[in-house]
Amino acid sequence: MRRANADPIRSGDLIDGFRVGERVHSGAMGDIFRVTGATPGFPLAMKVPHVSAGDSDEGLINFETEVMILPALTGAHVPRYVAAGDLARTPYLVTEWIEGESLQRRLGQGALDPVDAARIGAAVADALHSLHLQDTVHLDLKPDNVILCPDGRAVLIDFGLAHHARYPDLLAEEHRMAAGSAPYISPEQVFGDRSDPRSDLFALGVVLYELCTGELPFGVPATRAGLRDRMWLDPVPPIARNAAVPPWLQEVILRCLEPQPADRYQSAAHIAFDLRNPDNIQLTERASRKAPSGFGSRLRRWWTSRDQRPQAQPLPAAQVSAARVVLAAIDTTHMDDERHPAVLRTVARILSIPAEYRLICVSVIAGGPGAPSAAVGSSAYLDHLVRLRSWVEPLRLPPSRLSMHVIEAADPAGLLVDFARRNHVDLIVLGAPSPAQTRLAWWRSVASGVAAAAGCSVHLVRVPADAAGAVTSPASAAPESPDSPASRRPA
């Protein structure tokens, strides 16, 4: 299927209606050109693999993988697919050209300020979360494969090593299990597991480490034995290399770099939230490390990893869904609202379902156009925060699972919908309007506005006849599915 006798593609060629322009990149696996043609209204790029006689077949396998996966992906964090050429005749891939700056180029200027590193890390986590929800694991996350857009988005490129759970894994079929970039590859990839989205979270930890210190946590190993070392050798803590790294950011980075996937974050959405809300991060001993662990700890990790083998994994989207983000909207202006106990009971039941959850409690108070309150720190703001804490106290949640926000807005429904979108919320729980309210009041209510506009499931809680009853903890309540009849997923 190689074009051994075909002429290579050059600038100025006309191929299937696409005029080939400037070559903007040439690498070991292929070339990238700017192209024009019958476009859908955005700039285009053409990727052309090296498939001449004498070239390695690795580039062709990567190209086939990308041509298979990219058309199945959608959203603002991947280039839009346009066309692909016949592999046996003229192989090429035309996609949207992403305007922006490569993260690798940004790194060329040296280590970033920790605030900028966290902001970029959150944008990359957004992109990974979108990808994982589409049952795809990138498996080659590195600064070269991240484009930072002017609007703050991160776009992932180069899906030649990716794995889509619903398509054949060509690299696995070729027994190239440890395919990836040596500094960023996860421990489980070294052992042949290409199906776990938490591999991308490990790579994100490497990227964050590099952004903060200008160095790689595990160097650039050249052998399989060197790759295996990351199973038991932990890196020099970022603070030891850059004293400006705050403890909360070191906590996030080192949690991402845990050798066992179960010890890492379980969802990129949780990483994005922590990077944007550092005050809510529960610090562990990771945050205060000044040096790598001692010989005993390393020996135990080495012993644990010696027989590690690939494990069957659920679909990426199913894994991510198990690490749900739940938002409870509470009216702290009226703490005597009869719906509050019912909402609390519902939240308790939802959180009782075994999963790694994050509960976000939000109180929207009357005020400005939707930005965080300018009165933060004032007695009014603190009063509402105390009321919110009092409402959630019966659940007895660990601090690592809970965050509370008091926000000022003139449009509460719009604020809640936007807040949920920005924080990858899976389910919004709030009280339904009282039966005593008129139809007009229902039409104007926050509940109806959220249910109509939210991009996630919405659980509207009505007050039952026996509204009385205390809630002690999530474990004491019977499970209630977020997809029960009281829930609604907007069209």
Protein backbone atom coordinates (compact mmCIF):
# COMPACT_ATOMS: atom_id res chain seq x y z
CA MET A 1 0.00 0.00 0.00
CA ARG A 2 3.04 2.25 -0.19
CA ARG A 3 3.50 4.96 -2.83
CA ALA A 4 7.07 3.83 -3.47
CA ASN A 5 7.05 5.05 -7.06
CA ALA A 6 4.87 8.12 -6.61
CA ASP A 7 6.28 11.63 -6.55
CA PRO A 8 6.26 13.28 -3.13
CA ILE A 9 3.70 16.02 -2.52
CA ARG A 10 5.14 19.50 -2.99
CA SER A 11 3.98 23.08 -2.58
CA GLY A 12 1.92 24.10 -5.60
CA ASP A 13 0.44 20.65 -6.26
CA LEU A 14 -3.31 20.29 -6.76
CA ILE A 15 -4.60 17.17 -5.03
CA ASP A 16 -8.28 16.23 -5.03
CA GLY A 17 -9.25 19.89 -5.23
CA PHE A 18 -6.82 21.07 -2.53
CA ARG A 19 -4.05 23.48 -3.55
CA VAL A 20 -0.91 22.67 -1.55
CA GLY A 21 0.75 25.73 -0.06
CA GLU A 22 3.68 26.31 2.25
CA ARG A 23 5.25 23.39 4.09
CA VAL A 24 5.14 24.45 7.73
CA HIS A 25 6.61 21.34 9.37
CA SER A 26 8.75 18.38 8.39
CA GLY A 27 9.30 15.53 10.81
CA ALA A 28 10.40 11.91 10.93
CA MET A 29 6.86 10.66 10.27
CA GLY A 30 5.68 13.16 7.66
CA ASP A 31 5.13 16.73 6.52
CA ILE A 32 2.46 19.35 7.20
CA PHE A 33 1.37 21.88 4.57
CA ARG A 34 -1.03 24.79 4.52
CA VAL A 35 -3.67 24.13 1.85
CA THR A 36 -6.61 25.90 0.27
CA GLY A 37 -9.62 24.57 -1.58
CA ALA A 38 -13.34 24.07 -1.24
CA THR A 39 -13.22 24.95 2.43
CA PRO A 40 -16.10 25.14 4.90
CA GLY A 41 -15.00 28.59 6.01
CA PHE A 42 -11.86 27.96 8.07
CA PRO A 43 -8.14 27.59 7.28
CA LEU A 44 -6.82 24.13 6.44
CA ALA A 45 -3.74 21.99 7.00
CA MET A 46 -2.68 18.82 5.17
CA LYS A 47 -0.67 16.09 6.87
CA VAL A 48 1.27 13.83 4.49
CA PRO A 49 2.99 10.70 5.88
CA HIS A 50 6.35 9.43 4.68
CA VAL A 51 5.45 6.22 2.85
CA SER A 52 8.21 5.82 0.29
CA ALA A 53 10.32 2.68 0.01
CA GLY A 54 12.82 2.54 2.84
CA ASP A 55 10.69 4.53 5.29
CA SER A 56 9.67 2.91 8.55
CA ASP A 57 6.10 1.63 8.62
CA GLU A 58 5.56 3.31 12.00
CA GLY A 59 4.55 6.55 10.35
CA LEU A 60 2.01 4.76 8.17
CA ILE A 61 0.43 2.99 11.17
CA ASN A 62 0.19 6.29 13.04
CA PHE A 63 -1.35 7.92 9.97
CA GLU A 64 -3.93 5.14 9.60
CA THR A 65 -4.82 5.50 13.28
CA GLU A 66 -5.34 9.25 13.01
CA VAL A 67 -7.42 8.95 9.84
CA MET A 68 -9.63 6.41 11.61
CA ILE A 69 -10.08 8.31 14.90
CA LEU A 70 -10.18 12.01 14.03
CA PRO A 71 -13.48 11.93 12.06
CA ALA A 72 -15.18 10.49 15.15
CA LEU A 73 -14.12 13.39 17.39
CA THR A 74 -15.99 16.64 17.84
CA GLY A 75 -15.77 19.76 19.98
CA ALA A 76 -13.65 22.83 20.46
CA HIS A 77 -10.56 20.94 21.64
CA VAL A 78 -9.72 18.96 18.47
CA PRO A 79 -9.14 20.07 14.87
CA ARG A 80 -12.13 19.55 12.59
CA TYR A 81 -11.73 16.71 10.10
CA VAL A 82 -12.18 17.65 6.42
CA ALA A 83 -10.90 14.88 4.12
CA ALA A 84 -8.46 12.01 3.67
CA GLY A 85 -6.76 10.63 0.59
CA ASP A 86 -6.76 7.03 -0.62
CA LEU A 87 -4.02 5.27 1.32
CA ALA A 88 -3.07 3.13 -1.68
CA ARG A 89 -2.84 6.12 -4.04
CA THR A 90 -2.14 9.46 -2.33
CA PRO A 91 -2.36 9.33 1.46
CA TYR A 92 -3.08 12.64 3.14
CA LEU A 93 -5.22 14.06 5.91
CA VAL A 94 -6.84 17.51 5.69
CA THR A 95 -8.02 19.13 8.91
CA GLU A 96 -8.76 22.53 10.32
CA TRP A 97 -5.66 24.68 10.82
CA ILE A 98 -5.62 25.75 14.47
CA GLU A 99 -4.54 29.34 15.00
CA GLY A 100 -2.48 29.65 18.13
CA GLU A 101 0.87 28.96 19.78
CA SER A 102 2.40 25.58 20.43
CA LEU A 103 2.88 24.87 24.12
CA GLN A 104 6.36 23.66 23.23
CA ARG A 105 7.18 27.07 21.85
CA ARG A 106 5.89 28.69 25.04
CA LEU A 107 8.17 26.38 27.03
CA GLY A 108 11.10 27.51 24.91
CA GLN A 109 10.98 30.75 26.88
CA GLY A 110 11.72 28.90 30.13
CA ALA A 111 9.67 27.84 33.13
CA LEU A 112 6.36 29.64 33.52
CA ASP A 113 4.99 31.54 36.46
CA PRO A 114 2.99 29.01 38.56
CA VAL A 115 -0.22 30.99 37.99
CA ASP A 116 0.23 30.75 34.21
CA ALA A 117 1.19 27.08 34.48
CA ALA A 118 -2.00 26.33 36.42
CA ARG A 119 -4.12 28.28 33.92
CA ILE A 120 -2.65 26.39 30.97
CA GLY A 121 -2.89 23.08 32.83
CA ALA A 122 -6.59 23.67 33.46
CA ALA A 123 -7.15 24.38 29.76
CA VAL A 124 -5.36 21.14 28.81
CA ALA A 125 -7.42 19.24 31.40
CA ASP A 126 -10.58 20.65 29.78
CA ALA A 127 -9.42 19.26 26.45
CA LEU A 128 -8.60 15.84 27.90
CA HIS A 129 -11.98 15.64 29.62
CA SER A 130 -13.74 16.32 26.33
CA LEU A 131 -11.67 13.63 24.65
CA HIS A 132 -12.28 11.03 27.35
CA LEU A 133 -16.03 11.59 27.20
CA GLN A 134 -15.74 10.52 23.56
CA ASP A 135 -14.14 7.18 24.57
CA THR A 136 -10.72 8.26 23.33
CA VAL A 137 -7.35 8.30 25.10
CA HIS A 138 -4.68 10.50 23.50
CA LEU A 139 -1.63 8.56 24.80
CA ASP A 140 0.85 11.11 23.41
CA LEU A 141 0.14 14.25 25.38
CA LYS A 142 3.17 16.52 25.35
CA PRO A 143 3.83 20.24 24.73
CA ASP A 144 4.35 19.63 20.99
CA ASN A 145 0.79 18.30 20.73
CA VAL A 146 -0.97 21.17 22.49
CA ILE A 147 -1.99 24.39 20.73
CA LEU A 148 -2.89 27.35 22.95
CA CYS A 149 -5.58 29.45 21.27
CA PRO A 150 -6.02 33.22 21.74
CA ASP A 151 -9.37 32.62 23.47
CA GLY A 152 -7.75 30.51 26.20
CA ARG A 153 -8.68 27.08 24.83
CA ALA A 154 -6.20 24.26 24.47
CA VAL A 155 -6.53 22.14 21.32
CA LEU A 156 -4.98 18.66 21.12
CA ILE A 157 -3.37 17.54 17.88
CA ASP A 158 -1.65 14.43 16.52
CA PHE A 159 -3.81 11.39 17.25
CA GLY A 160 -1.43 8.89 15.64
CA LEU A 161 -0.85 7.07 18.94
CA ALA A 162 -4.38 7.47 20.30
CA HIS A 163 -6.81 4.71 21.21
CA HIS A 164 -10.54 4.90 20.59
CA ALA A 165 -12.45 2.28 22.53
CA ARG A 166 -14.83 1.56 19.63
CA TYR A 167 -12.20 1.16 16.90
CA PRO A 168 -9.40 -1.36 16.30
CA ASP A 169 -6.18 -0.51 18.12
CA LEU A 170 -3.68 -0.79 15.27
CA LEU A 171 -0.66 -0.20 17.49
CA ALA A 172 -1.72 -2.95 19.90
CA GLU A 173 -2.24 -5.30 16.95
CA GLU A 174 1.35 -4.54 15.91
CA HIS A 175 2.49 -5.26 19.50
CA ARG A 176 3.82 -1.73 19.93
CA MET A 177 2.42 -1.40 23.43
CA ALA A 178 4.86 1.16 24.81
CA ALA A 179 4.35 3.55 21.91
CA GLY A 180 4.59 7.13 23.09
CA SER A 181 7.04 9.89 23.97
CA ALA A 182 9.47 8.58 26.59
CA PRO A 183 9.41 11.58 28.99
CA TYR A 184 5.57 11.60 29.16
CA ILE A 185 4.52 7.96 28.87
CA SER A 186 2.56 6.53 31.81
CA PRO A 187 3.67 3.46 33.77
CA GLU A 188 0.69 1.41 32.58
CA GLN A 189 1.56 2.18 28.94
CA VAL A 190 5.00 0.69 29.59
CA PHE A 191 3.27 -2.51 30.67
CA GLY A 192 1.00 -2.60 27.62
CA ASP A 193 -2.23 -0.92 28.80
CA ARG A 194 -3.46 1.54 26.15
CA SER A 195 -7.06 1.86 27.33
CA ASP A 196 -6.89 3.86 30.55
CA PRO A 197 -7.70 7.60 30.37
CA ARG A 198 -5.70 8.09 33.56
CA SER A 199 -2.60 7.62 31.38
CA ASP A 200 -3.32 11.07 29.94
CA LEU A 201 -3.58 12.46 33.48
CA PHE A 202 -0.09 11.14 34.23
CA ALA A 203 1.20 12.87 31.09
CA LEU A 204 -0.56 16.07 32.18
CA GLY A 205 1.35 15.84 35.45
CA VAL A 206 4.61 15.63 33.49
CA VAL A 207 3.60 18.67 31.44
CA LEU A 208 2.68 20.67 34.56
CA TYR A 209 6.00 19.70 36.17
CA GLU A 210 7.85 20.87 33.08
CA LEU A 211 5.90 24.12 32.93
CA CYS A 212 6.76 24.91 36.55
CA THR A 213 10.41 23.81 36.64
CA GLY A 214 11.67 23.80 33.06
CA GLU A 215 12.79 20.19 33.61
CA LEU A 216 11.32 16.73 33.06
CA PRO A 217 10.47 14.67 36.16
CA PHE A 218 11.86 11.39 34.78
CA GLY A 219 14.35 12.68 32.23
CA VAL A 220 14.44 11.16 28.74
CA PRO A 221 14.93 7.40 29.18
CA ALA A 222 16.22 5.56 26.14
CA THR A 223 15.47 1.98 27.20
CA ARG A 224 12.46 0.01 28.37
CA ALA A 225 14.19 -0.52 31.72
CA GLY A 226 14.54 3.25 32.02
CA LEU A 227 10.82 3.66 31.32
CA ARG A 228 9.97 1.12 34.03
CA ASP A 229 11.84 3.18 36.62
CA ARG A 230 8.92 5.59 36.95
CA MET A 231 6.98 2.76 38.61
CA TRP A 232 9.11 3.08 41.73
CA LEU A 233 11.31 6.18 41.39
CA ASP A 234 9.43 9.34 42.34
CA PRO A 235 10.63 12.67 40.95
CA VAL A 236 12.38 15.50 42.73
CA PRO A 237 9.50 17.59 44.13
CA PRO A 238 8.78 20.68 42.01
CA ILE A 239 9.32 22.99 45.00
CA ALA A 240 12.91 21.71 45.28
CA ARG A 241 13.55 22.92 41.74
CA ASN A 242 11.48 26.10 41.85
CA ALA A 243 10.74 27.62 45.25
CA ALA A 244 7.96 29.71 43.69
CA VAL A 245 5.76 26.64 43.17
CA PRO A 246 2.98 26.84 45.79
CA PRO A 247 2.21 23.73 47.90
CA TRP A 248 -1.26 23.34 46.33
CA LEU A 249 0.23 23.14 42.83
CA GLN A 250 2.82 20.60 43.95
CA GLU A 251 -0.06 18.58 45.43
CA VAL A 252 -1.83 18.50 42.05
CA ILE A 253 1.33 17.66 40.09
CA LEU A 254 2.51 14.85 42.33
CA ARG A 255 -0.96 13.35 42.55
CA CYS A 256 -1.05 13.20 38.74
CA LEU A 257 2.35 11.47 38.78
CA GLU A 258 1.40 8.65 41.15
CA PRO A 259 2.61 5.38 39.57
CA GLN A 260 -0.64 3.53 40.34
CA PRO A 261 -3.64 4.89 38.38
CA ALA A 262 -5.96 4.41 41.37
CA ASP A 263 -3.86 6.90 43.37
CA ARG A 264 -4.12 9.65 40.75
CA TYR A 265 -7.03 11.91 39.96
CA GLN A 266 -9.75 9.84 38.34
CA SER A 267 -11.00 12.56 36.00
CA ALA A 268 -9.43 15.45 34.12
CA ALA A 269 -12.47 17.51 35.18
CA HIS A 270 -11.33 17.27 38.81
CA ILE A 271 -7.85 18.47 37.86
CA ALA A 272 -9.27 21.43 35.97
CA PHE A 273 -11.43 22.37 38.96
CA ASP A 274 -8.56 22.16 41.44
CA LEU A 275 -6.24 24.22 39.24
CA ARG A 276 -8.91 26.94 39.05
CA ASN A 277 -9.91 26.72 42.73
CA PRO A 278 -6.69 26.15 44.70
CA ASP A 279 -8.27 27.24 47.99
CA ASN A 280 -10.42 24.09 47.88
CA ILE A 281 -7.53 21.63 47.50
CA GLN A 282 -6.94 19.39 50.48
CA LEU A 283 -3.18 19.23 51.02
CA THR A 284 -1.49 15.94 51.89
CA GLU A 285 2.14 15.13 52.57
CA ARG A 286 2.75 15.52 48.83
CA ALA A 287 2.39 19.29 49.18
CA SER A 288 5.28 19.60 51.65
CA ARG A 289 7.79 17.19 50.12
CA LYS A 290 11.24 18.64 49.70
CA ALA A 291 13.05 15.51 48.46
CA PRO A 292 12.23 12.17 46.81
CA SER A 293 11.12 9.34 49.06
CA GLY A 294 13.63 7.11 50.81
CA PHE A 295 14.98 3.69 49.90
CA GLY A 296 12.30 1.78 51.82
CA SER A 297 9.41 3.44 50.00
CA ARG A 298 11.04 2.93 46.64
CA LEU A 299 11.72 -0.72 47.40
CA ARG A 300 8.06 -1.30 48.32
CA ARG A 301 6.89 0.33 45.06
CA TRP A 302 9.37 -1.73 43.06
CA TRP A 303 8.15 -4.94 44.71
CA THR A 304 4.50 -4.04 44.02
CA SER A 305 5.18 -3.27 40.35
CA ARG A 306 7.35 -6.27 39.48
CA ASP A 307 4.43 -8.44 38.29
CA GLN A 308 2.19 -5.72 36.93
CA ARG A 309 0.22 -6.69 33.83
CA PRO A 310 -2.37 -4.93 31.66
CA GLN A 311 -5.84 -4.92 33.22
CA ALA A 312 -9.20 -4.83 31.46
CA GLN A 313 -10.60 -1.29 31.73
CA PRO A 314 -14.14 0.10 31.34
CA LEU A 315 -14.75 2.42 28.41
CA PRO A 316 -13.04 5.79 28.99
CA ALA A 317 -16.36 7.66 29.13
CA ALA A 318 -17.65 5.20 31.73
CA GLN A 319 -14.56 5.72 33.89
CA VAL A 320 -14.94 9.48 33.68
CA SER A 321 -18.66 9.29 34.47
CA ALA A 322 -17.85 7.40 37.68
CA ALA A 323 -15.90 10.46 38.87
CA ARG A 324 -18.95 12.70 38.75
CA VAL A 325 -19.21 16.39 39.57
CA VAL A 326 -22.48 17.32 41.31
CA LEU A 327 -23.64 20.91 41.80
CA ALA A 328 -26.20 21.70 44.50
CA ALA A 329 -27.83 25.13 44.17
CA ILE A 330 -28.96 26.47 47.53
CA ASP A 331 -30.86 29.68 48.28
CA THR A 332 -29.04 30.94 51.36
CA THR A 333 -31.14 34.10 51.39
CA HIS A 334 -34.10 32.02 52.63
CA MET A 335 -32.68 29.37 54.94
CA ASP A 336 -36.20 28.43 56.05
CA ASP A 337 -37.09 27.30 52.51
CA GLU A 338 -39.00 24.02 52.85
CA ARG A 339 -37.14 22.56 49.88
CA HIS A 340 -33.73 22.64 51.58
CA PRO A 341 -34.08 19.36 53.56
CA ALA A 342 -35.42 17.57 50.49
CA VAL A 343 -32.51 18.77 48.36
CA LEU A 344 -30.10 17.63 51.07
CA ARG A 345 -31.66 14.16 51.18
CA THR A 346 -31.45 13.87 47.40
CA VAL A 347 -27.81 14.91 47.34
CA ALA A 348 -27.05 12.39 50.08
CA ARG A 349 -28.61 9.58 48.05
CA ILE A 350 -26.78 10.56 44.89
CA LEU A 351 -23.42 10.69 46.67
CA SER A 352 -24.09 7.30 48.30
CA ILE A 353 -23.61 5.58 44.94
CA PRO A 354 -20.00 4.31 44.93
CA ALA A 355 -17.95 6.70 42.83
CA GLU A 356 -15.32 9.39 43.14
CA TYR A 357 -17.47 12.47 43.35
CA ARG A 358 -16.99 16.21 43.76
CA LEU A 359 -19.84 18.19 45.33
CA ILE A 360 -19.99 21.89 44.51
CA CYS A 361 -22.42 23.90 46.64
CA VAL A 362 -23.39 27.24 45.10
CA SER A 363 -25.41 30.10 46.53
CA VAL A 364 -26.34 32.88 44.10
CA ILE A 365 -27.10 36.18 45.80
CA ALA A 366 -28.72 39.19 44.17
CA GLY A 367 -26.29 41.66 42.72
CA GLY A 368 -24.14 42.34 39.68
CA PRO A 369 -24.15 40.99 36.14
CA GLY A 370 -22.86 37.52 37.01
CA ALA A 371 -19.23 37.99 37.97
CA PRO A 372 -17.97 36.81 41.36
CA SER A 373 -19.14 39.18 44.04
CA ALA A 374 -17.15 42.33 44.59
CA ALA A 375 -18.18 41.97 48.21
CA VAL A 376 -16.05 38.88 48.75
CA GLY A 377 -14.66 39.14 52.27
CA SER A 378 -17.51 41.38 53.42
CA SER A 379 -19.79 40.41 56.28
CA ALA A 380 -22.65 39.69 53.85
CA TYR A 381 -20.57 37.31 51.77
CA LEU A 382 -19.22 35.53 54.83
CA ASP A 383 -22.73 35.26 56.27
CA HIS A 384 -23.97 33.44 53.16
CA LEU A 385 -20.89 31.20 53.18
CA VAL A 386 -21.60 30.23 56.81
CA ARG A 387 -25.21 29.40 55.88
CA LEU A 388 -24.02 27.25 52.98
CA ARG A 389 -21.60 25.42 55.26
CA SER A 390 -24.39 24.87 57.79
CA TRP A 391 -26.63 23.38 55.09
CA VAL A 392 -24.04 20.86 53.90
CA GLU A 393 -22.64 19.99 57.34
CA PRO A 394 -24.98 16.98 57.94
CA LEU A 395 -23.40 15.19 54.98
CA ARG A 396 -20.03 15.12 56.76
CA LEU A 397 -18.08 15.12 53.51
CA PRO A 398 -14.28 15.10 53.40
CA PRO A 399 -12.83 18.49 52.40
CA SER A 400 -11.28 16.97 49.27
CA ARG A 401 -14.77 16.21 47.94
CA LEU A 402 -16.44 19.53 48.72
CA SER A 403 -16.25 23.15 47.61
CA MET A 404 -18.55 26.06 48.41
CA HIS A 405 -19.14 29.22 46.39
CA VAL A 406 -21.18 32.35 47.02
CA ILE A 407 -21.60 34.29 43.78
CA GLU A 408 -23.34 37.55 42.99
CA ALA A 409 -25.53 37.64 39.88
CA ALA A 410 -28.53 39.41 38.41
CA ASP A 411 -29.45 36.24 36.46
CA PRO A 412 -29.14 33.24 38.83
CA ALA A 413 -30.24 30.66 36.25
CA GLY A 414 -27.75 31.90 33.66
CA LEU A 415 -25.00 32.01 36.25
CA LEU A 416 -25.65 28.42 37.36
CA VAL A 417 -25.73 27.13 33.78
CA ASP A 418 -22.47 28.88 32.90
CA PHE A 419 -20.79 27.82 36.15
CA ALA A 420 -21.80 24.20 35.52
CA ARG A 421 -20.45 24.30 31.96
CA ARG A 422 -17.10 25.78 32.98
CA ASN A 423 -16.63 23.22 35.74
CA HIS A 424 -17.72 20.09 33.84
CA VAL A 425 -20.68 19.44 36.13
CA ASP A 426 -22.49 16.17 35.42
CA LEU A 427 -25.62 16.82 37.50
CA ILE A 428 -27.29 19.93 38.90
CA VAL A 429 -29.58 19.44 41.92
CA LEU A 430 -31.96 22.22 42.98
CA GLY A 431 -35.41 22.67 44.39
CA ALA A 432 -38.42 22.73 42.08
CA PRO A 433 -40.91 25.60 42.38
CA SER A 434 -43.51 25.25 45.12
CA PRO A 435 -46.94 24.00 43.96
CA ALA A 436 -48.34 27.25 45.36
CA GLN A 437 -46.48 29.24 42.72
CA THR A 438 -48.42 30.37 39.68
CA ARG A 439 -47.64 29.24 36.16
CA LEU A 440 -46.05 32.60 35.48
CA ALA A 441 -43.83 32.22 38.54
CA TRP A 442 -42.79 28.75 37.29
CA TRP A 443 -41.94 30.14 33.88
CA ARG A 444 -39.76 32.77 35.53
CA SER A 445 -38.21 30.48 38.15
CA VAL A 446 -34.52 29.66 38.41
CA ALA A 447 -35.37 25.95 38.23
CA SER A 448 -37.08 26.19 34.86
CA GLY A 449 -34.30 28.38 33.46
CA VAL A 450 -31.62 25.93 34.53
CA ALA A 451 -33.54 22.88 33.31
CA ALA A 452 -34.11 24.49 29.90
CA ALA A 453 -30.54 25.69 29.30
CA ALA A 454 -28.18 23.33 31.14
CA GLY A 455 -25.94 21.08 29.12
CA CYS A 456 -26.00 18.37 31.78
CA SER A 457 -28.62 16.42 33.71
CA VAL A 458 -30.83 18.46 36.07
CA HIS A 459 -32.55 16.92 39.10
CA LEU A 460 -35.49 19.02 40.28
CA VAL A 461 -36.43 18.14 43.85
CA ARG A 462 -40.05 18.54 44.93
CA VAL A 463 -40.99 18.69 48.60
CA PRO A 464 -42.65 15.40 49.63
CA ALA A 465 -45.62 15.30 51.96
CA ASP A 466 -43.42 14.01 54.79
CA ALA A 467 -40.76 16.66 54.31
CA ALA A 468 -39.53 16.27 57.86
CA GLY A 469 -36.54 14.05 58.47
CA ALA A 470 -32.89 14.50 59.20
CA VAL A 471 -29.98 13.52 57.04
CA THR A 472 -26.92 12.22 58.82
CA SER A 473 -24.56 11.07 56.09
CA PRO A 474 -24.53 9.89 52.46
CA ALA A 475 -23.97 6.30 53.55
CA SER A 476 -27.21 6.25 55.51
CA ALA A 477 -29.39 7.03 52.49
CA ALA A 478 -30.61 4.60 49.86
CA PRO A 479 -29.09 5.10 46.40
CA GLU A 480 -31.07 7.23 44.00
CA SER A 481 -30.07 7.37 40.38
CA PRO A 482 -29.56 10.81 38.82
CA ASP A 483 -31.54 9.44 35.88
CA SER A 484 -34.65 8.79 37.95
CA PRO A 485 -38.02 10.27 36.86
CA ALA A 486 -37.34 13.42 38.86
CA SER A 487 -34.26 14.07 36.73
CA ARG A 488 -34.32 15.78 33.39
CA ARG A 489 -31.71 16.00 30.67
CA PRO A 490 -32.38 19.00 28.47
CA ALA A 491 -32.54 18.40 24.76
